[in-house]
């Protein structure tokens, strides 16, 4: 059962939403919504990334500083903070995979709408960035224009985000190992010093 607020909202929305939208208007609105969703997903991910990576780096630096200063119980500290750092990287990685899925779905739908409406903006941009499987849908003149644009287009080298994740995970593993090895090496060096003096 609807309450009065819900009914009022539905009446207001009904007065502002046109009742006779043709197919082209619906497709254009869907295209706009897909673009907005794409932008929101990417923006949200990079906001999370830009917070968690510097925090992870700061924790990494603090643990390395503690290791070099021979702080007592540094191994426990390194393991605890290292596990948090590794979990953070795995979270970012899995979340990136989810975002990539939504990005691909939005682009796929935008390409379908472009094909129906005779547009090719996203297809052209994707071609400049990388070749894709929808290239054959363009006519010869569009393909020639894009070939010329592609020759002029200087693309920055891609940094694969998985490489960043693996680098941080490897750094944390090395940090954890060092936190246990360095104290042992110091003891070994002291023993060797006293043996040869």
C-alpha atoms as a PDB file:
ATOM      1  CA  UNK A   1       0.000   0.000   0.000  1.00  0.00           C
ATOM      2  CA  UNK A   2       1.353   3.416  -0.948  1.00  0.00           C
ATOM      3  CA  UNK A   3       1.510   6.198   1.550  1.00  0.00           C
ATOM      4  CA  UNK A   4       0.680   9.812   0.659  1.00  0.00           C
ATOM      5  CA  UNK A   5       4.326  10.820   0.216  1.00  0.00           C
ATOM      6  CA  UNK A   6       4.939   8.061  -2.323  1.00  0.00           C
ATOM      7  CA  UNK A   7       1.766   9.022  -4.216  1.00  0.00           C
ATOM      8  CA  UNK A   8       2.776  12.680  -4.231  1.00  0.00           C
ATOM      9  CA  UNK A   9       6.253  11.855  -5.554  1.00  0.00           C
ATOM     10  CA  UNK A  10       4.760   9.648  -8.287  1.00  0.00           C
ATOM     11  CA  UNK A  11       2.378  12.454  -9.357  1.00  0.00           C
ATOM     12  CA  UNK A  12       5.219  14.993  -9.473  1.00  0.00           C
ATOM     13  CA  UNK A  13       7.439  12.628 -11.467  1.00  0.00           C
ATOM     14  CA  UNK A  14       4.619  11.845 -13.873  1.00  0.00           C
ATOM     15  CA  UNK A  15       4.204  15.539 -14.663  1.00  0.00           C
ATOM     16  CA  UNK A  16       7.908  15.991 -15.446  1.00  0.00           C
ATOM     17  CA  UNK A  17       8.581  12.771 -17.369  1.00  0.00           C
ATOM     18  CA  UNK A  18       7.390  13.006 -20.952  1.00  0.00           C
ATOM     19  CA  UNK A  19       4.969  10.234 -21.743  1.00  0.00           C
ATOM     20  CA  UNK A  20       5.680  10.093 -25.443  1.00  0.00           C
ATOM     21  CA  UNK A  21       9.356   9.407 -25.900  1.00  0.00           C
ATOM     22  CA  UNK A  22      10.325   7.926 -29.201  1.00  0.00           C
ATOM     23  CA  UNK A  23      12.862   5.136 -29.483  1.00  0.00           C
ATOM     24  CA  UNK A  24      15.703   7.501 -30.370  1.00  0.00           C
ATOM     25  CA  UNK A  25      15.110   9.637 -27.255  1.00  0.00           C
ATOM     26  CA  UNK A  26      15.038   6.523 -25.095  1.00  0.00           C
ATOM     27  CA  UNK A  27      18.292   5.277 -26.610  1.00  0.00           C
ATOM     28  CA  UNK A  28      19.939   8.681 -26.170  1.00  0.00           C
ATOM     29  CA  UNK A  29      18.851   8.757 -22.527  1.00  0.00           C
ATOM     30  CA  UNK A  30      20.166   5.230 -22.009  1.00  0.00           C
ATOM     31  CA  UNK A  31      23.437   6.288 -23.651  1.00  0.00           C
ATOM     32  CA  UNK A  32      23.675   9.261 -21.270  1.00  0.00           C
ATOM     33  CA  UNK A  33      22.975   7.075 -18.245  1.00  0.00           C
ATOM     34  CA  UNK A  34      25.632   4.571 -19.350  1.00  0.00           C
ATOM     35  CA  UNK A  35      28.172   7.390 -19.694  1.00  0.00           C
ATOM     36  CA  UNK A  36      27.279   8.764 -16.254  1.00  0.00           C
ATOM     37  CA  UNK A  37      27.546   5.316 -14.685  1.00  0.00           C
ATOM     38  CA  UNK A  38      30.902   4.732 -16.363  1.00  0.00           C
ATOM     39  CA  UNK A  39      32.265   8.049 -15.112  1.00  0.00           C
ATOM     40  CA  UNK A  40      30.928   7.471 -11.598  1.00  0.00           C
ATOM     41  CA  UNK A  41      32.443   3.976 -11.350  1.00  0.00           C
ATOM     42  CA  UNK A  42      35.874   5.093 -12.527  1.00  0.00           C
ATOM     43  CA  UNK A  43      35.842   8.195 -10.342  1.00  0.00           C
ATOM     44  CA  UNK A  44      34.781   6.223  -7.271  1.00  0.00           C
ATOM     45  CA  UNK A  45      37.494   3.639  -7.797  1.00  0.00           C
ATOM     46  CA  UNK A  46      40.257   6.211  -8.249  1.00  0.00           C
ATOM     47  CA  UNK A  47      39.121   8.070  -5.136  1.00  0.00           C
ATOM     48  CA  UNK A  48      39.473   4.879  -3.101  1.00  0.00           C
ATOM     49  CA  UNK A  49      42.775   4.069  -4.830  1.00  0.00           C
ATOM     50  CA  UNK A  50      44.181   7.553  -4.189  1.00  0.00           C
ATOM     51  CA  UNK A  51      43.479   7.206  -0.476  1.00  0.00           C
ATOM     52  CA  UNK A  52      44.529   3.594   0.158  1.00  0.00           C
ATOM     53  CA  UNK A  53      47.769   3.582  -1.856  1.00  0.00           C
ATOM     54  CA  UNK A  54      49.357   6.552  -0.007  1.00  0.00           C
ATOM     55  CA  UNK A  55      48.221   5.152   3.354  1.00  0.00           C
ATOM     56  CA  UNK A  56      49.670   1.768   2.417  1.00  0.00           C
ATOM     57  CA  UNK A  57      52.910   3.450   1.355  1.00  0.00           C
ATOM     58  CA  UNK A  58      53.109   5.406   4.622  1.00  0.00           C
ATOM     59  CA  UNK A  59      52.620   2.223   6.665  1.00  0.00           C
ATOM     60  CA  UNK A  60      55.263   0.502   4.569  1.00  0.00           C
ATOM     61  CA  UNK A  61      57.695   3.350   5.235  1.00  0.00           C
ATOM     62  CA  UNK A  62      56.959   3.239   8.964  1.00  0.00           C
ATOM     63  CA  UNK A  63      57.640  -0.499   9.123  1.00  0.00           C
ATOM     64  CA  UNK A  64      60.885  -0.141   7.166  1.00  0.00           C
ATOM     65  CA  UNK A  65      61.930   2.657   9.530  1.00  0.00           C
ATOM     66  CA  UNK A  66      61.149   0.435  12.524  1.00  0.00           C
ATOM     67  CA  UNK A  67      63.154  -2.421  10.987  1.00  0.00           C
ATOM     68  CA  UNK A  68      66.164  -0.200  10.364  1.00  0.00           C
ATOM     69  CA  UNK A  69      65.974   1.255  13.877  1.00  0.00           C
ATOM     70  CA  UNK A  70      65.907  -2.257  15.367  1.00  0.00           C
ATOM     71  CA  UNK A  71      62.682  -1.600  17.200  1.00  0.00           C
ATOM     72  CA  UNK A  72      61.803  -4.410  19.643  1.00  0.00           C
ATOM     73  CA  UNK A  73      59.166  -6.831  18.349  1.00  0.00           C
ATOM     74  CA  UNK A  74      59.500  -5.393  14.851  1.00  0.00           C
ATOM     75  CA  UNK A  75      58.682  -8.791  13.344  1.00  0.00           C
ATOM     76  CA  UNK A  76      55.246  -8.802  14.949  1.00  0.00           C
ATOM     77  CA  UNK A  77      54.670  -5.223  13.856  1.00  0.00           C
ATOM     78  CA  UNK A  78      55.763  -6.031  10.295  1.00  0.00           C
ATOM     79  CA  UNK A  79      53.533  -9.086  10.104  1.00  0.00           C
ATOM     80  CA  UNK A  80      50.471  -7.283  11.442  1.00  0.00           C
ATOM     81  CA  UNK A  81      50.854  -4.198   9.263  1.00  0.00           C
ATOM     82  CA  UNK A  82      52.024  -6.300   6.299  1.00  0.00           C
ATOM     83  CA  UNK A  83      48.923  -8.470   6.426  1.00  0.00           C
ATOM     84  CA  UNK A  84      46.757  -5.351   6.512  1.00  0.00           C
ATOM     85  CA  UNK A  85      48.705  -3.960   3.533  1.00  0.00           C
ATOM     86  CA  UNK A  86      48.370  -7.188   1.552  1.00  0.00           C
ATOM     87  CA  UNK A  87      44.636  -7.437   2.300  1.00  0.00           C
ATOM     88  CA  UNK A  88      44.226  -3.816   1.174  1.00  0.00           C
ATOM     89  CA  UNK A  89      45.967  -4.558  -2.121  1.00  0.00           C
ATOM     90  CA  UNK A  90      43.873  -7.688  -2.696  1.00  0.00           C
ATOM     91  CA  UNK A  91      40.718  -5.689  -1.949  1.00  0.00           C
ATOM     92  CA  UNK A  92      41.712  -2.999  -4.453  1.00  0.00           C
ATOM     93  CA  UNK A  93      42.540  -5.640  -7.037  1.00  0.00           C
ATOM     94  CA  UNK A  94      39.214  -7.459  -6.692  1.00  0.00           C
ATOM     95  CA  UNK A  95      37.324  -4.185  -6.672  1.00  0.00           C
ATOM     96  CA  UNK A  96      39.170  -3.142  -9.844  1.00  0.00           C
ATOM     97  CA  UNK A  97      38.045  -6.388 -11.522  1.00  0.00           C
ATOM     98  CA  UNK A  98      34.453  -5.538 -10.616  1.00  0.00           C
ATOM     99  CA  UNK A  99      34.805  -1.971 -11.917  1.00  0.00           C
ATOM    100  CA  UNK A 100      36.317  -3.303 -15.173  1.00  0.00           C
ATOM    101  CA  UNK A 101      33.258  -5.533 -15.626  1.00  0.00           C
ATOM    102  CA  UNK A 102      30.890  -2.579 -15.265  1.00  0.00           C
ATOM    103  CA  UNK A 103      33.037  -0.437 -17.558  1.00  0.00           C
ATOM    104  CA  UNK A 104      32.990  -3.145 -20.229  1.00  0.00           C
ATOM    105  CA  UNK A 105      29.212  -3.547 -19.894  1.00  0.00           C
ATOM    106  CA  UNK A 106      28.637   0.211 -20.211  1.00  0.00           C
ATOM    107  CA  UNK A 107      30.932   0.520 -23.216  1.00  0.00           C
ATOM    108  CA  UNK A 108      29.322  -2.503 -24.861  1.00  0.00           C
ATOM    109  CA  UNK A 109      25.864  -0.970 -24.504  1.00  0.00           C
ATOM    110  CA  UNK A 110      27.089   2.430 -25.703  1.00  0.00           C
ATOM    111  CA  UNK A 111      28.609   0.773 -28.777  1.00  0.00           C
ATOM    112  CA  UNK A 112      25.299  -0.976 -29.466  1.00  0.00           C
ATOM    113  CA  UNK A 113      23.414   2.316 -29.180  1.00  0.00           C
ATOM    114  CA  UNK A 114      25.975   4.039 -31.401  1.00  0.00           C
ATOM    115  CA  UNK A 115      25.484   1.337 -34.040  1.00  0.00           C
ATOM    116  CA  UNK A 116      21.696   1.778 -33.922  1.00  0.00           C
ATOM    117  CA  UNK A 117      21.827   5.588 -34.061  1.00  0.00           C
ATOM    118  CA  UNK A 118      24.695   5.823 -36.543  1.00  0.00           C
ATOM    119  CA  UNK A 119      27.118   7.386 -34.052  1.00  0.00           C
ATOM    120  CA  UNK A 120      30.731   6.331 -33.563  1.00  0.00           C
ATOM    121  CA  UNK A 121      32.306   8.541 -30.875  1.00  0.00           C
ATOM    122  CA  UNK A 122      33.241   5.834 -28.356  1.00  0.00           C
ATOM    123  CA  UNK A 123      34.219   3.407 -31.061  1.00  0.00           C
ATOM    124  CA  UNK A 124      36.605   6.000 -32.514  1.00  0.00           C
ATOM    125  CA  UNK A 125      38.104   6.835 -29.125  1.00  0.00           C
ATOM    126  CA  UNK A 126      38.611   3.151 -28.346  1.00  0.00           C
ATOM    127  CA  UNK A 127      40.306   2.640 -31.666  1.00  0.00           C
ATOM    128  CA  UNK A 128      42.751   5.454 -30.932  1.00  0.00           C
ATOM    129  CA  UNK A 129      43.517   3.850 -27.604  1.00  0.00           C
ATOM    130  CA  UNK A 130      43.550   0.245 -28.758  1.00  0.00           C
ATOM    131  CA  UNK A 131      42.226  -1.859 -31.578  1.00  0.00           C
ATOM    132  CA  UNK A 132      38.966  -3.556 -30.787  1.00  0.00           C
ATOM    133  CA  UNK A 133      36.665  -6.151 -32.269  1.00  0.00           C
ATOM    134  CA  UNK A 134      33.998  -3.654 -33.351  1.00  0.00           C
ATOM    135  CA  UNK A 135      36.352  -2.018 -35.866  1.00  0.00           C
ATOM    136  CA  UNK A 136      34.774  -3.903 -38.761  1.00  0.00           C
ATOM    137  CA  UNK A 137      31.445  -2.127 -38.144  1.00  0.00           C
ATOM    138  CA  UNK A 138      32.832   1.162 -39.475  1.00  0.00           C
ATOM    139  CA  UNK A 139      32.667   2.025 -43.137  1.00  0.00           C
ATOM    140  CA  UNK A 140      35.865   2.398 -45.205  1.00  0.00           C
ATOM    141  CA  UNK A 141      36.023   6.194 -44.990  1.00  0.00           C
ATOM    142  CA  UNK A 142      35.752   6.111 -41.181  1.00  0.00           C
ATOM    143  CA  UNK A 143      38.441   3.440 -41.018  1.00  0.00           C
ATOM    144  CA  UNK A 144      40.773   5.586 -43.157  1.00  0.00           C
ATOM    145  CA  UNK A 145      40.144   8.661 -40.979  1.00  0.00           C
ATOM    146  CA  UNK A 146      40.876   6.643 -37.866  1.00  0.00           C
ATOM    147  CA  UNK A 147      44.035   5.180 -39.361  1.00  0.00           C
ATOM    148  CA  UNK A 148      45.305   8.726 -39.984  1.00  0.00           C
ATOM    149  CA  UNK A 149      44.332   9.826 -36.473  1.00  0.00           C
ATOM    150  CA  UNK A 150      45.952   6.741 -34.975  1.00  0.00           C
ATOM    151  CA  UNK A 151      49.263   7.550 -36.681  1.00  0.00           C
ATOM    152  CA  UNK A 152      49.197  11.038 -35.099  1.00  0.00           C
ATOM    153  CA  UNK A 153      47.977   9.859 -31.728  1.00  0.00           C
ATOM    154  CA  UNK A 154      50.731   9.478 -29.159  1.00  0.00           C
ATOM    155  CA  UNK A 155      49.511   7.179 -26.468  1.00  0.00           C
ATOM    156  CA  UNK A 156      51.183   7.201 -23.089  1.00  0.00           C
ATOM    157  CA  UNK A 157      52.509   3.821 -22.004  1.00  0.00           C
ATOM    158  CA  UNK A 158      49.941   1.863 -20.084  1.00  0.00           C
ATOM    159  CA  UNK A 159      50.649   1.110 -16.501  1.00  0.00           C
ATOM    160  CA  UNK A 160      48.842  -2.065 -15.712  1.00  0.00           C
ATOM    161  CA  UNK A 161      47.191  -1.738 -12.387  1.00  0.00           C
ATOM    162  CA  UNK A 162      47.835  -5.390 -11.555  1.00  0.00           C
ATOM    163  CA  UNK A 163      51.548  -4.577 -11.641  1.00  0.00           C
ATOM    164  CA  UNK A 164      51.005  -1.973  -8.924  1.00  0.00           C
ATOM    165  CA  UNK A 165      49.134  -4.500  -6.800  1.00  0.00           C
ATOM    166  CA  UNK A 166      51.777  -7.199  -7.238  1.00  0.00           C
ATOM    167  CA  UNK A 167      54.551  -4.698  -6.504  1.00  0.00           C
ATOM    168  CA  UNK A 168      52.957  -3.689  -3.208  1.00  0.00           C
ATOM    169  CA  UNK A 169      52.266  -7.285  -2.221  1.00  0.00           C
ATOM    170  CA  UNK A 170      55.875  -8.228  -3.031  1.00  0.00           C
ATOM    171  CA  UNK A 171      57.172  -5.252  -1.046  1.00  0.00           C
ATOM    172  CA  UNK A 172      55.135  -6.309   1.980  1.00  0.00           C
ATOM    173  CA  UNK A 173      56.374  -9.900   1.747  1.00  0.00           C
ATOM    174  CA  UNK A 174      59.983  -8.698   1.504  1.00  0.00           C
ATOM    175  CA  UNK A 175      59.377  -6.361   4.427  1.00  0.00           C
ATOM    176  CA  UNK A 176      58.000  -9.176   6.576  1.00  0.00           C
ATOM    177  CA  UNK A 177      60.923 -11.437   5.696  1.00  0.00           C
ATOM    178  CA  UNK A 178      63.447  -8.672   6.384  1.00  0.00           C
ATOM    179  CA  UNK A 179      61.907  -7.963   9.755  1.00  0.00           C
ATOM    180  CA  UNK A 180      62.862 -11.475  10.840  1.00  0.00           C
ATOM    181  CA  UNK A 181      66.147 -11.823   8.927  1.00  0.00           C
ATOM    182  CA  UNK A 182      67.786  -8.520   9.897  1.00  0.00           C
ATOM    183  CA  UNK A 183      67.810  -9.172  13.654  1.00  0.00           C
ATOM    184  CA  UNK A 184      69.241 -12.637  12.999  1.00  0.00           C
ATOM    185  CA  UNK A 185      71.921 -11.131  10.751  1.00  0.00           C
ATOM    186  CA  UNK A 186      72.847  -8.629  13.445  1.00  0.00           C
ATOM    187  CA  UNK A 187      73.259 -11.424  15.979  1.00  0.00           C
ATOM    188  CA  UNK A 188      75.300 -13.420  13.465  1.00  0.00           C
ATOM    189  CA  UNK A 189      77.543 -10.408  12.788  1.00  0.00           C
ATOM    190  CA  UNK A 190      78.076  -9.911  16.531  1.00  0.00           C
ATOM    191  CA  UNK A 191      79.008 -13.565  16.935  1.00  0.00           C
ATOM    192  CA  UNK A 192      81.431 -13.374  13.998  1.00  0.00           C
ATOM    193  CA  UNK A 193      82.954 -10.166  15.367  1.00  0.00           C
ATOM    194  CA  UNK A 194      83.623 -11.760  18.783  1.00  0.00           C
ATOM    195  CA  UNK A 195      84.954 -14.946  17.191  1.00  0.00           C
ATOM    196  CA  UNK A 196      87.557 -13.102  15.147  1.00  0.00           C
ATOM    197  CA  UNK A 197      88.605 -10.515  17.724  1.00  0.00           C
END
